[in-house]
């Protein structure tokens, strides 16, 4: 099935005569139905594979320290040369020498008022022209592909959604390519594509399993999407991608360590320590079956009172629906609880306390100073923060250090913004 889908995408986007011309000339003529045009594979840094996957040059050829300086300016800019030297343990003279060519080619720009560094004349802070390049991020769900276009700092510029009536790999690739093309027609200079989904990924190239899409076999999604869009593509688990947008551009920026807990269709958990993501098994859903309530509801795997049973939107809605003997949605349960309905209130309180217990476990076992709580089902924690934090405190030692729990409402596009950040990282870091 996967081989057939791959060949179908390839045949549609890359007619045989176009592939022959590519091999002869180093220039790939993409199918006019995509409106993408030409990609010069012979330019410095571009690569071609047997499947015709396109890899365009990332930044101007940067290596080692020079690339680290550019990344510092991207993540922390505007930033002074002195701060860059301190962060990277470099001498001021080395920073000046390495940044001069980056300024000459326009990769770095000077921005903001001059800052005094105690020696010599004040210097102007350095930053990146974030608007010079754009990136597409797409979050795949069971029913739709949600996309955004961002700048180099993952600021959303445009967004769009297409339904996924057919969840086969070939159909998902075709629908995603249509969404990408539509947004590229509105926003210029799109450099790369990132896609996230609930599931297990490998090397940001293969989606090994995706329960919401009913995919059990390895799908070379990055290669298929590169063929369909003409863009370098990277694939990542959706929670891991959200962790990256927090780490580079969000609440985790500059933090030595932090954890992320997402609530919604599932329970997601990821951890960063030493400014490095430490979540190789994030797609397996290990946090979903942590036991939280011995008297709680059953999850589909038969576990009583686990995180999946107590914190997912469908489970909360199902519990209240059984008690009230009518079908309810998750928002309806929260509204009924706010209105004082006894059954809905009991359901919501049990879930809020389970959330506090899970946060206590995370704080106790990881020792992080910050836990970010978000996701499309975070409204429970937002409305019942006092109950969540009361249970959190009950599960912490009174002498333990303070842990910041940031319960963060975010639009659903935040998932796609995480995917765009994966594209930015792949482009900037060259891998």
Protein backbone atom coordinates (compact mmCIF):
# COMPACT_ATOMS: atom_id res chain seq x y z
CA UNK A 1 0.00 0.00 0.00
CA UNK A 2 2.76 2.44 0.96
CA UNK A 3 4.87 1.66 -2.08
CA UNK A 4 1.87 2.21 -4.34
CA UNK A 5 1.06 5.52 -2.63
CA UNK A 6 4.66 6.66 -2.96
CA UNK A 7 4.76 5.80 -6.65
CA UNK A 8 1.42 7.51 -7.23
CA UNK A 9 2.68 10.75 -5.72
CA UNK A 10 5.94 10.49 -7.67
CA UNK A 11 4.23 9.82 -11.00
CA UNK A 12 1.81 12.70 -10.53
CA UNK A 13 4.40 15.28 -9.51
CA UNK A 14 7.39 14.02 -11.48
CA UNK A 15 6.58 12.75 -14.98
CA UNK A 16 9.23 10.42 -16.40
CA UNK A 17 10.48 12.94 -18.95
CA UNK A 18 10.94 15.56 -16.21
CA UNK A 19 12.98 13.15 -14.14
CA UNK A 20 15.19 12.36 -17.14
CA UNK A 21 15.74 16.08 -17.73
CA UNK A 22 16.61 16.50 -14.06
CA UNK A 23 19.25 13.79 -14.21
CA UNK A 24 20.73 15.30 -17.36
CA UNK A 25 20.64 18.99 -16.41
CA UNK A 26 20.46 19.12 -12.64
CA UNK A 27 17.24 21.15 -12.89
CA UNK A 28 13.94 19.62 -11.85
CA UNK A 29 10.78 20.75 -13.65
CA UNK A 30 7.90 20.19 -11.24
CA UNK A 31 4.43 19.36 -12.49
CA UNK A 32 2.41 22.44 -13.49
CA UNK A 33 -0.53 21.21 -11.41
CA UNK A 34 1.47 22.20 -8.32
CA UNK A 35 2.57 25.55 -9.71
CA UNK A 36 5.96 25.20 -8.05
CA UNK A 37 8.30 25.80 -10.97
CA UNK A 38 11.99 24.89 -11.15
CA UNK A 39 14.46 23.78 -8.52
CA UNK A 40 18.14 23.99 -9.40
CA UNK A 41 19.79 20.91 -7.97
CA UNK A 42 23.20 21.95 -9.18
CA UNK A 43 23.38 25.01 -6.91
CA UNK A 44 25.85 24.88 -3.99
CA UNK A 45 24.54 22.79 -1.13
CA UNK A 46 21.60 21.28 -3.02
CA UNK A 47 21.32 17.53 -3.14
CA UNK A 48 19.32 14.97 -5.05
CA UNK A 49 18.39 11.41 -4.21
CA UNK A 50 17.19 8.47 -6.28
CA UNK A 51 13.62 9.35 -5.26
CA UNK A 52 14.05 12.93 -6.45
CA UNK A 53 13.77 14.39 -2.96
CA UNK A 54 14.92 17.98 -3.00
CA UNK A 55 17.23 19.45 -0.37
CA UNK A 56 17.92 23.15 -0.93
CA UNK A 57 20.79 25.02 0.72
CA UNK A 58 20.02 26.22 4.23
CA UNK A 59 21.81 29.34 5.41
CA UNK A 60 24.83 30.65 3.60
CA UNK A 61 27.34 27.83 4.18
CA UNK A 62 27.93 28.10 7.93
CA UNK A 63 29.81 25.74 10.15
CA UNK A 64 30.61 25.43 13.83
CA UNK A 65 30.98 28.68 15.72
CA UNK A 66 29.68 30.92 12.97
CA UNK A 67 26.46 28.94 12.77
CA UNK A 68 26.17 28.99 16.58
CA UNK A 69 26.41 32.79 16.50
CA UNK A 70 23.63 32.99 13.90
CA UNK A 71 21.43 30.69 16.00
CA UNK A 72 22.03 32.85 19.08
CA UNK A 73 20.92 35.92 17.15
CA UNK A 74 17.86 34.05 15.90
CA UNK A 75 16.71 32.74 19.29
CA UNK A 76 17.79 35.60 21.58
CA UNK A 77 18.11 38.61 19.27
CA UNK A 78 18.42 41.49 19.39
CA UNK A 79 21.45 40.44 21.42
CA UNK A 80 24.72 42.25 22.05
CA UNK A 81 28.01 40.94 20.80
CA UNK A 82 29.15 40.79 24.43
CA UNK A 83 26.24 38.50 25.34
CA UNK A 84 26.98 36.27 22.37
CA UNK A 85 30.61 36.04 23.46
CA UNK A 86 29.55 35.16 27.00
CA UNK A 87 26.98 32.55 25.93
CA UNK A 88 29.38 30.81 23.54
CA UNK A 89 32.55 31.34 25.60
CA UNK A 90 34.24 33.35 22.85
CA UNK A 91 36.45 36.41 22.89
CA UNK A 92 34.86 39.70 21.73
CA UNK A 93 37.38 39.87 18.89
CA UNK A 94 36.30 36.42 17.63
CA UNK A 95 32.63 37.43 17.68
CA UNK A 96 33.40 40.63 15.75
CA UNK A 97 35.46 38.73 13.17
CA UNK A 98 32.85 36.01 12.63
CA UNK A 99 29.82 38.29 12.52
CA UNK A 100 31.25 40.73 9.97
CA UNK A 101 30.68 38.43 6.93
CA UNK A 102 27.21 37.54 8.22
CA UNK A 103 26.36 41.23 8.30
CA UNK A 104 27.81 41.70 4.82
CA UNK A 105 25.50 39.04 3.31
CA UNK A 106 22.47 40.30 5.24
CA UNK A 107 21.97 37.21 7.37
CA UNK A 108 22.55 39.27 10.52
CA UNK A 109 21.32 42.82 10.90
CA UNK A 110 21.99 45.46 13.52
CA UNK A 111 18.91 46.49 15.47
CA UNK A 112 18.16 48.58 18.53
CA UNK A 113 20.10 51.22 20.44
CA UNK A 114 23.84 50.80 20.96
CA UNK A 115 24.87 49.08 24.19
CA UNK A 116 28.01 49.82 26.18
CA UNK A 117 30.16 46.83 27.04
CA UNK A 118 32.58 48.62 29.32
CA UNK A 119 35.38 48.72 26.75
CA UNK A 120 35.63 50.64 23.50
CA UNK A 121 32.75 52.19 21.68
CA UNK A 122 29.17 50.89 22.21
CA UNK A 123 27.99 48.20 19.81
CA UNK A 124 24.60 47.79 18.16
CA UNK A 125 22.74 44.55 19.07
CA UNK A 126 22.52 41.84 16.43
CA UNK A 127 19.44 40.01 15.24
CA UNK A 128 18.05 38.08 12.28
CA UNK A 129 15.78 39.48 9.58
CA UNK A 130 12.92 37.19 10.59
CA UNK A 131 10.74 38.27 7.67
CA UNK A 132 13.32 37.28 5.05
CA UNK A 133 12.30 33.59 5.02
CA UNK A 134 9.10 31.70 5.68
CA UNK A 135 8.20 28.18 6.76
CA UNK A 136 5.13 25.99 6.65
CA UNK A 137 4.03 23.88 9.60
CA UNK A 138 1.22 21.31 9.37
CA UNK A 139 -0.43 19.40 12.20
CA UNK A 140 -2.19 16.20 11.11
CA UNK A 141 -5.26 15.02 13.02
CA UNK A 142 -7.75 12.25 12.31
CA UNK A 143 -10.00 14.60 10.37
CA UNK A 144 -7.95 17.51 9.03
CA UNK A 145 -4.56 19.00 8.22
CA UNK A 146 -4.07 22.32 10.01
CA UNK A 147 -1.37 24.54 8.54
CA UNK A 148 0.42 27.79 9.29
CA UNK A 149 3.05 29.88 7.57
CA UNK A 150 5.55 31.52 9.91
CA UNK A 151 8.61 33.69 9.74
CA UNK A 152 12.03 32.65 11.00
CA UNK A 153 10.90 33.12 14.61
CA UNK A 154 7.74 31.04 14.23
CA UNK A 155 5.43 34.05 14.23
CA UNK A 156 2.26 33.01 12.41
CA UNK A 157 1.61 34.96 9.21
CA UNK A 158 -1.04 32.84 7.52
CA UNK A 159 -3.05 29.71 8.28
CA UNK A 160 -5.37 27.23 6.61
CA UNK A 161 -7.09 23.88 7.03
CA UNK A 162 -8.07 21.06 4.68
CA UNK A 163 -10.24 18.06 5.61
CA UNK A 164 -8.86 14.52 5.56
CA UNK A 165 -11.79 12.42 4.43
CA UNK A 166 -9.36 9.72 3.26
CA UNK A 167 -6.61 8.88 5.76
CA UNK A 168 -4.50 6.68 3.51
CA UNK A 169 -0.88 7.92 3.19
CA UNK A 170 -1.23 8.94 -0.45
CA UNK A 171 -4.42 10.91 0.20
CA UNK A 172 -2.95 12.63 3.25
CA UNK A 173 0.12 13.65 1.26
CA UNK A 174 -2.02 15.00 -1.59
CA UNK A 175 -4.25 16.99 0.77
CA UNK A 176 -1.24 18.38 2.64
CA UNK A 177 0.45 19.36 -0.62
CA UNK A 178 -2.67 21.22 -1.70
CA UNK A 179 -2.74 23.11 1.60
CA UNK A 180 0.96 23.97 1.32
CA UNK A 181 0.55 25.19 -2.25
CA UNK A 182 -2.39 27.36 -1.29
CA UNK A 183 -0.44 29.07 1.47
CA UNK A 184 2.71 29.42 -0.64
CA UNK A 185 0.66 31.31 -3.21
CA UNK A 186 -0.11 33.88 -0.51
CA UNK A 187 3.27 34.09 1.24
CA UNK A 188 6.61 34.25 -0.64
CA UNK A 189 10.02 32.75 0.16
CA UNK A 190 8.90 29.53 1.81
CA UNK A 191 12.03 27.56 2.59
CA UNK A 192 10.92 24.29 4.22
CA UNK A 193 8.00 22.25 5.53
CA UNK A 194 7.49 20.67 8.94
CA UNK A 195 4.70 18.22 9.74
CA UNK A 196 3.65 16.88 13.13
CA UNK A 197 1.30 14.09 14.14
CA UNK A 198 0.49 12.04 17.18
CA UNK A 199 2.69 8.99 16.77
CA UNK A 200 6.21 7.61 16.65
CA UNK A 201 8.73 9.19 14.27
CA UNK A 202 12.26 8.27 13.27
CA UNK A 203 15.02 10.67 12.18
CA UNK A 204 12.42 13.33 11.39
CA UNK A 205 11.79 11.38 8.20
CA UNK A 206 9.56 8.37 8.88
CA UNK A 207 6.23 8.16 10.65
CA UNK A 208 6.43 4.69 12.14
CA UNK A 209 2.93 4.65 13.62
CA UNK A 210 0.07 7.11 13.96
CA UNK A 211 -2.98 5.88 15.84
CA UNK A 212 -5.20 8.83 14.93
CA UNK A 213 -4.54 8.14 11.25
CA UNK A 214 -4.78 4.34 11.64
CA UNK A 215 -1.24 3.93 10.31
CA UNK A 216 0.62 0.91 11.67
CA UNK A 217 3.38 0.60 9.05
CA UNK A 218 6.41 2.81 8.45
CA UNK A 219 5.47 5.71 6.18
CA UNK A 220 8.37 7.69 4.59
CA UNK A 221 6.32 10.83 4.98
CA UNK A 222 9.16 13.34 4.66
CA UNK A 223 10.23 11.92 1.28
CA UNK A 224 6.65 11.74 0.03
CA UNK A 225 5.95 15.33 1.02
CA UNK A 226 9.22 16.55 -0.50
CA UNK A 227 8.17 14.96 -3.76
CA UNK A 228 4.71 16.46 -3.57
CA UNK A 229 5.71 20.01 -2.59
CA UNK A 230 9.28 20.51 -3.82
CA UNK A 231 10.24 21.58 -0.28
CA UNK A 232 12.62 19.95 2.17
CA UNK A 233 10.33 18.28 4.70
CA UNK A 234 10.77 17.11 8.29
CA UNK A 235 8.40 14.98 10.39
CA UNK A 236 8.11 15.06 14.17
CA UNK A 237 5.81 13.86 16.92
CA UNK A 238 3.34 16.63 17.73
CA UNK A 239 4.24 16.95 21.43
CA UNK A 240 7.98 16.91 20.64
CA UNK A 241 7.38 19.64 18.06
CA UNK A 242 5.48 21.75 20.61
CA UNK A 243 8.40 21.32 23.02
CA UNK A 244 10.71 22.74 20.34
CA UNK A 245 8.67 25.90 19.78
CA UNK A 246 8.68 26.48 23.54
CA UNK A 247 12.42 25.77 23.73
CA UNK A 248 13.44 28.11 20.91
CA UNK A 249 10.77 30.81 20.87
CA UNK A 250 8.48 30.31 23.86
CA UNK A 251 8.38 29.98 27.62
CA UNK A 252 11.29 27.54 27.68
CA UNK A 253 13.71 29.84 25.86
CA UNK A 254 16.81 30.35 27.95
CA UNK A 255 15.68 27.77 30.54
CA UNK A 256 18.11 25.08 31.58
CA UNK A 257 15.25 22.58 31.89
CA UNK A 258 11.47 22.41 31.70
CA UNK A 259 8.66 19.94 31.06
CA UNK A 260 5.61 20.11 28.81
CA UNK A 261 2.28 18.40 29.53
CA UNK A 262 -0.48 18.51 26.91
CA UNK A 263 -4.10 17.54 27.40
CA UNK A 264 -6.76 16.93 24.78
CA UNK A 265 -7.36 13.95 22.52
CA UNK A 266 -4.44 12.34 24.34
CA UNK A 267 -2.01 13.08 27.15
CA UNK A 268 1.40 14.17 25.95
CA UNK A 269 4.60 14.69 27.91
CA UNK A 270 8.04 15.89 26.88
CA UNK A 271 11.12 17.07 28.73
CA UNK A 272 14.05 19.36 27.96
CA UNK A 273 17.20 19.40 30.10
CA UNK A 274 20.51 21.07 29.45
CA UNK A 275 18.68 23.00 26.70
CA UNK A 276 18.27 19.67 24.90
CA UNK A 277 15.06 17.70 24.27
CA UNK A 278 15.13 14.43 26.20
CA UNK A 279 12.06 12.79 24.76
CA UNK A 280 13.02 9.89 22.46
CA UNK A 281 9.89 7.92 23.45
CA UNK A 282 7.46 10.82 23.47
CA UNK A 283 5.42 9.30 20.62
CA UNK A 284 4.81 6.07 22.54
CA UNK A 285 2.47 7.88 24.94
CA UNK A 286 4.10 6.65 28.15
CA UNK A 287 2.56 9.39 30.31
CA UNK A 288 -0.92 8.38 29.21
CA UNK A 289 -0.99 5.29 31.40
CA UNK A 290 0.54 6.62 34.61
CA UNK A 291 -1.89 5.60 37.39
CA UNK A 292 -3.50 8.62 39.06
CA UNK A 293 -6.73 7.48 40.72
CA UNK A 294 -7.40 3.93 42.03
CA UNK A 295 -11.14 4.60 41.84
CA UNK A 296 -11.06 6.30 38.45
CA UNK A 297 -12.54 5.33 35.11
CA UNK A 298 -11.18 2.74 32.71
CA UNK A 299 -9.15 3.63 29.64
CA UNK A 300 -9.51 1.63 26.39
CA UNK A 301 -6.51 -0.50 27.46
CA UNK A 302 -8.27 -1.51 30.68
CA UNK A 303 -6.20 0.61 33.08
CA UNK A 304 -8.21 2.10 35.91
CA UNK A 305 -7.64 5.75 36.70
CA UNK A 306 -4.65 6.31 34.42
CA UNK A 307 -3.87 9.69 32.85
CA UNK A 308 -5.61 8.70 29.62
CA UNK A 309 -8.75 7.74 31.52
CA UNK A 310 -8.79 10.84 33.73
CA UNK A 311 -7.47 13.68 31.57
CA UNK A 312 -8.42 13.19 27.92
CA UNK A 313 -11.35 15.19 26.60
CA UNK A 314 -13.27 12.15 25.37
CA UNK A 315 -12.86 10.31 28.68
CA UNK A 316 -14.14 13.26 30.70
CA UNK A 317 -17.10 13.67 28.35
CA UNK A 318 -17.85 9.93 28.47
CA UNK A 319 -17.79 9.79 32.27
CA UNK A 320 -20.24 12.66 32.66
CA UNK A 321 -22.40 11.29 29.84
CA UNK A 322 -22.78 7.96 31.67
CA UNK A 323 -23.67 9.71 34.91
CA UNK A 324 -26.25 12.00 33.29
CA UNK A 325 -27.45 9.34 30.81
CA UNK A 326 -27.16 11.60 27.79
CA UNK A 327 -24.36 12.28 25.32
CA UNK A 328 -22.27 15.31 26.23
CA UNK A 329 -19.28 17.04 24.69
CA UNK A 330 -16.21 18.07 26.66
CA UNK A 331 -17.11 21.81 26.63
CA UNK A 332 -20.65 20.95 27.75
CA UNK A 333 -19.31 19.02 30.75
CA UNK A 334 -17.16 21.97 31.80
CA UNK A 335 -20.09 24.36 31.44
CA UNK A 336 -22.39 22.08 33.46
CA UNK A 337 -19.78 21.85 36.20
CA UNK A 338 -19.52 25.65 36.30
CA UNK A 339 -23.30 25.78 36.60
CA UNK A 340 -23.20 23.46 39.63
CA UNK A 341 -24.45 20.22 38.12
CA UNK A 342 -23.50 17.54 40.71
CA UNK A 343 -22.48 14.79 38.27
CA UNK A 344 -20.47 17.10 36.01
CA UNK A 345 -18.87 18.79 39.02
CA UNK A 346 -17.75 15.44 40.46
CA UNK A 347 -16.32 14.39 37.11
CA UNK A 348 -14.41 17.63 36.63
CA UNK A 349 -13.07 17.71 40.19
CA UNK A 350 -11.75 14.14 39.89
CA UNK A 351 -9.99 15.06 36.65
CA UNK A 352 -8.56 18.30 38.06
CA UNK A 353 -7.13 16.44 41.06
CA UNK A 354 -5.68 13.79 38.77
CA UNK A 355 -4.00 16.58 36.79
CA UNK A 356 -2.49 17.99 39.99
CA UNK A 357 -1.16 14.56 40.95
CA UNK A 358 0.47 14.06 37.57
CA UNK A 359 2.10 17.49 37.77
CA UNK A 360 3.39 16.61 41.24
CA UNK A 361 4.94 13.42 39.88
CA UNK A 362 6.62 15.32 37.07
CA UNK A 363 8.05 17.91 39.47
CA UNK A 364 9.22 15.29 41.98
CA UNK A 365 10.89 12.98 39.46
CA UNK A 366 12.41 15.45 36.99
CA UNK A 367 13.32 18.37 39.33
CA UNK A 368 12.47 20.89 36.63
CA UNK A 369 11.78 24.51 37.66
CA UNK A 370 9.01 24.95 35.08
CA UNK A 371 6.11 22.82 33.85
CA UNK A 372 4.06 24.12 30.93
CA UNK A 373 0.51 22.76 30.75
CA UNK A 374 -1.34 23.30 27.48
CA UNK A 375 -3.11 21.58 24.60
CA UNK A 376 -6.59 21.71 23.16
CA UNK A 377 -8.05 20.21 26.36
CA UNK A 378 -6.31 22.52 28.83
CA UNK A 379 -9.55 24.37 29.60
CA UNK A 380 -10.11 21.97 32.51
CA UNK A 381 -6.92 23.18 34.18
CA UNK A 382 -7.66 26.80 33.30
CA UNK A 383 -11.11 26.83 34.91
CA UNK A 384 -10.14 24.68 37.88
CA UNK A 385 -6.61 25.90 38.48
CA UNK A 386 -7.15 26.20 42.24
CA UNK A 387 -8.08 22.50 42.51
CA UNK A 388 -5.18 21.46 40.27
CA UNK A 389 -2.67 23.48 42.29
CA UNK A 390 -4.09 22.33 45.63
CA UNK A 391 -3.57 18.70 44.62
CA UNK A 392 -0.16 19.58 43.18
CA UNK A 393 0.90 21.03 46.54
CA UNK A 394 -0.39 17.95 48.39
CA UNK A 395 1.96 15.83 46.30
CA UNK A 396 5.02 17.98 46.95
CA UNK A 397 7.29 18.08 50.01
CA UNK A 398 6.80 21.34 51.91
CA UNK A 399 10.54 21.99 51.84
CA UNK A 400 10.85 21.38 48.08
CA UNK A 401 11.87 24.26 45.86
CA UNK A 402 9.17 26.25 44.14
CA UNK A 403 8.14 24.96 40.72
CA UNK A 404 6.41 27.29 38.29
CA UNK A 405 3.32 25.68 36.77
CA UNK A 406 2.28 27.66 33.71
CA UNK A 407 -1.22 26.71 32.55
CA UNK A 408 -1.28 28.13 29.07
CA UNK A 409 -4.24 28.56 26.76
CA UNK A 410 -3.12 28.43 23.14
CA UNK A 411 -4.94 28.27 19.81
CA UNK A 412 -5.00 24.95 18.00
CA UNK A 413 -2.57 26.46 15.50
CA UNK A 414 0.12 26.16 18.21
CA UNK A 415 0.49 22.50 17.18
CA UNK A 416 1.23 23.59 13.60
CA UNK A 417 3.55 26.31 14.88
CA UNK A 418 5.56 23.56 16.55
CA UNK A 419 5.80 21.79 13.21
CA UNK A 420 7.01 25.01 11.59
CA UNK A 421 9.70 25.27 14.27
CA UNK A 422 10.92 21.80 13.30
CA UNK A 423 11.22 23.06 9.71
CA UNK A 424 13.11 26.14 10.93
CA UNK A 425 15.51 24.00 12.96
CA UNK A 426 16.15 21.65 10.05
CA UNK A 427 16.80 24.61 7.74
CA UNK A 428 18.99 26.57 10.14
CA UNK A 429 21.00 23.67 11.53
CA UNK A 430 21.31 21.89 8.19
CA UNK A 431 20.00 18.58 9.47
